[in-house]
Amino acid sequence: YANTLDTREQLAVQEFADALLVIPKTLAVNAAKDSSELVAKLRSAHAKSQRDALAGEEKEENLQYTGLDLIEGVIRDNLAAGVVEPAISKIKSLRFATEAAITILRIDDRITLAKGQQ
């Protein structure tokens, strides 16, 4: 998604996405799987899903529901596997974490400005 933006927001979106990648990487490492390979496959599936959606193409698979199967060490269609997660609680948690990070950055910005004004 970040590549579709033309402004400096692209950098912020890309960094936010990179920060979220810590979650599947950590899960894969804790499951003693090759996190680099699994996360690369996961990112590839999600990117293809987004490209197909932007182009308005018919999807041959539901790549948007792709997730990690850490028992087998592969990616899979989580919806077909019956893995349905409570999206509302995840969205709220991400919003609160994002707001906390923004608040910290604003405070840090103000402290930096205050030191520079002296």
Protein backbone atom coordinates (compact mmCIF):
# COMPACT_ATOMS: atom_id res chain seq x y z
CA TYR A 1 0.00 0.00 0.00
CA ALA A 2 2.82 2.41 0.84
CA ASN A 3 4.05 2.38 -2.76
CA THR A 4 0.73 3.82 -3.94
CA LEU A 5 1.29 7.05 -1.97
CA ASP A 6 3.15 9.96 -3.53
CA THR A 7 3.90 12.02 -0.44
CA ARG A 8 6.15 11.58 2.58
CA GLU A 9 3.32 9.61 4.14
CA GLN A 10 4.74 6.71 2.14
CA LEU A 11 7.71 6.54 4.51
CA ALA A 12 5.52 6.55 7.60
CA VAL A 13 3.24 3.84 6.23
CA GLN A 14 6.23 1.69 5.22
CA GLU A 15 7.87 2.02 8.65
CA PHE A 16 4.59 1.21 10.37
CA ALA A 17 4.24 -1.92 8.21
CA ASP A 18 7.82 -2.93 9.02
CA ALA A 19 7.09 -2.51 12.72
CA LEU A 20 4.06 -4.79 12.43
CA LEU A 21 6.22 -7.46 10.80
CA VAL A 22 7.83 -8.05 14.18
CA ILE A 23 4.75 -10.08 15.17
CA PRO A 24 4.93 -12.87 12.55
CA LYS A 25 8.74 -12.89 12.71
CA THR A 26 8.70 -13.42 16.47
CA LEU A 27 6.02 -16.10 16.23
CA ALA A 28 8.03 -17.98 13.58
CA VAL A 29 11.26 -17.76 15.58
CA ASN A 30 9.51 -18.98 18.74
CA ALA A 31 8.12 -21.93 16.76
CA ALA A 32 11.69 -22.78 15.61
CA LYS A 33 10.85 -22.10 11.95
CA ASP A 34 12.72 -20.12 9.29
CA SER A 35 11.19 -16.71 9.95
CA SER A 36 12.82 -15.01 6.95
CA GLU A 37 11.37 -17.47 4.46
CA LEU A 38 7.91 -17.61 6.02
CA VAL A 39 7.57 -13.84 6.36
CA ALA A 40 8.78 -13.35 2.77
CA LYS A 41 6.12 -15.77 1.51
CA LEU A 42 3.48 -14.09 3.66
CA ARG A 43 4.41 -10.62 2.40
CA SER A 44 4.40 -11.89 -1.18
CA ALA A 45 0.91 -13.37 -0.82
CA HIS A 46 -0.48 -10.21 0.77
CA ALA A 47 1.18 -7.97 -1.85
CA LYS A 48 -0.31 -10.07 -4.66
CA SER A 49 -3.71 -9.83 -3.00
CA GLN A 50 -3.43 -6.03 -2.83
CA ARG A 51 -2.24 -5.76 -6.45
CA ASP A 52 -5.15 -7.90 -7.62
CA ALA A 53 -7.61 -5.78 -5.61
CA LEU A 54 -6.22 -2.51 -7.00
CA ALA A 55 -6.29 -3.85 -10.56
CA GLY A 56 -9.83 -5.14 -10.10
CA GLU A 57 -8.80 -8.62 -11.20
CA GLU A 58 -10.57 -11.79 -10.20
CA LYS A 59 -8.72 -13.67 -7.52
CA GLU A 60 -7.94 -17.32 -8.01
CA GLU A 61 -7.24 -17.68 -4.29
CA ASN A 62 -8.14 -15.78 -1.14
CA LEU A 63 -4.63 -14.50 -0.56
CA GLN A 64 -5.88 -11.77 1.75
CA TYR A 65 -6.58 -14.44 4.35
CA THR A 66 -3.10 -15.93 4.15
CA GLY A 67 -1.45 -16.56 7.49
CA LEU A 68 1.19 -18.71 9.11
CA ASP A 69 0.81 -22.39 9.94
CA LEU A 70 3.61 -22.72 12.47
CA ILE A 71 3.05 -26.40 13.12
CA GLU A 72 3.80 -27.32 9.49
CA GLY A 73 6.03 -24.31 8.83
CA VAL A 74 4.09 -23.07 5.79
CA ILE A 75 1.67 -20.31 4.85
CA ARG A 76 -1.99 -21.20 4.44
CA ASP A 77 -5.47 -19.80 3.91
CA ASN A 78 -6.47 -19.16 7.52
CA LEU A 79 -10.14 -18.67 6.66
CA ALA A 80 -10.33 -22.10 5.01
CA ALA A 81 -8.46 -23.58 7.99
CA GLY A 82 -11.09 -22.16 10.35
CA VAL A 83 -8.88 -19.57 11.98
CA VAL A 84 -11.10 -16.54 12.51
CA GLU A 85 -9.67 -13.92 14.81
CA PRO A 86 -11.49 -11.15 16.67
CA ALA A 87 -10.61 -8.25 14.38
CA ILE A 88 -12.29 -5.60 16.52
CA SER A 89 -10.01 -6.19 19.52
CA LYS A 90 -6.93 -6.23 17.27
CA ILE A 91 -7.94 -2.99 15.58
CA LYS A 92 -8.53 -1.31 18.95
CA SER A 93 -5.18 -2.51 20.25
CA LEU A 94 -3.39 -1.22 17.15
CA ARG A 95 -5.16 2.13 17.43
CA PHE A 96 -4.19 2.53 21.08
CA ALA A 97 -0.59 1.55 20.37
CA THR A 98 -0.43 3.95 17.42
CA GLU A 99 -1.89 6.79 19.46
CA ALA A 100 0.62 6.11 22.25
CA ALA A 101 3.52 6.18 19.77
CA ILE A 102 2.26 9.43 18.24
CA THR A 103 1.92 11.00 21.69
CA ILE A 104 5.48 9.99 22.58
CA LEU A 105 6.77 11.44 19.31
CA ARG A 106 4.92 14.70 19.92
CA ILE A 107 6.33 15.00 23.44
CA ASP A 108 9.83 14.22 22.15
CA ASP A 109 9.38 16.85 19.43
CA ARG A 110 8.35 19.47 22.00
CA ILE A 111 11.30 18.68 24.25
CA THR A 112 13.67 18.99 21.29
CA LEU A 113 12.15 22.33 20.35
CA ALA A 114 12.35 23.61 23.92
CA LYS A 115 16.08 22.80 24.12
CA GLY A 116 16.75 24.46 20.77
CA GLN A 117 14.99 27.69 21.77
CA GLN A 118 17.27 28.33 24.75
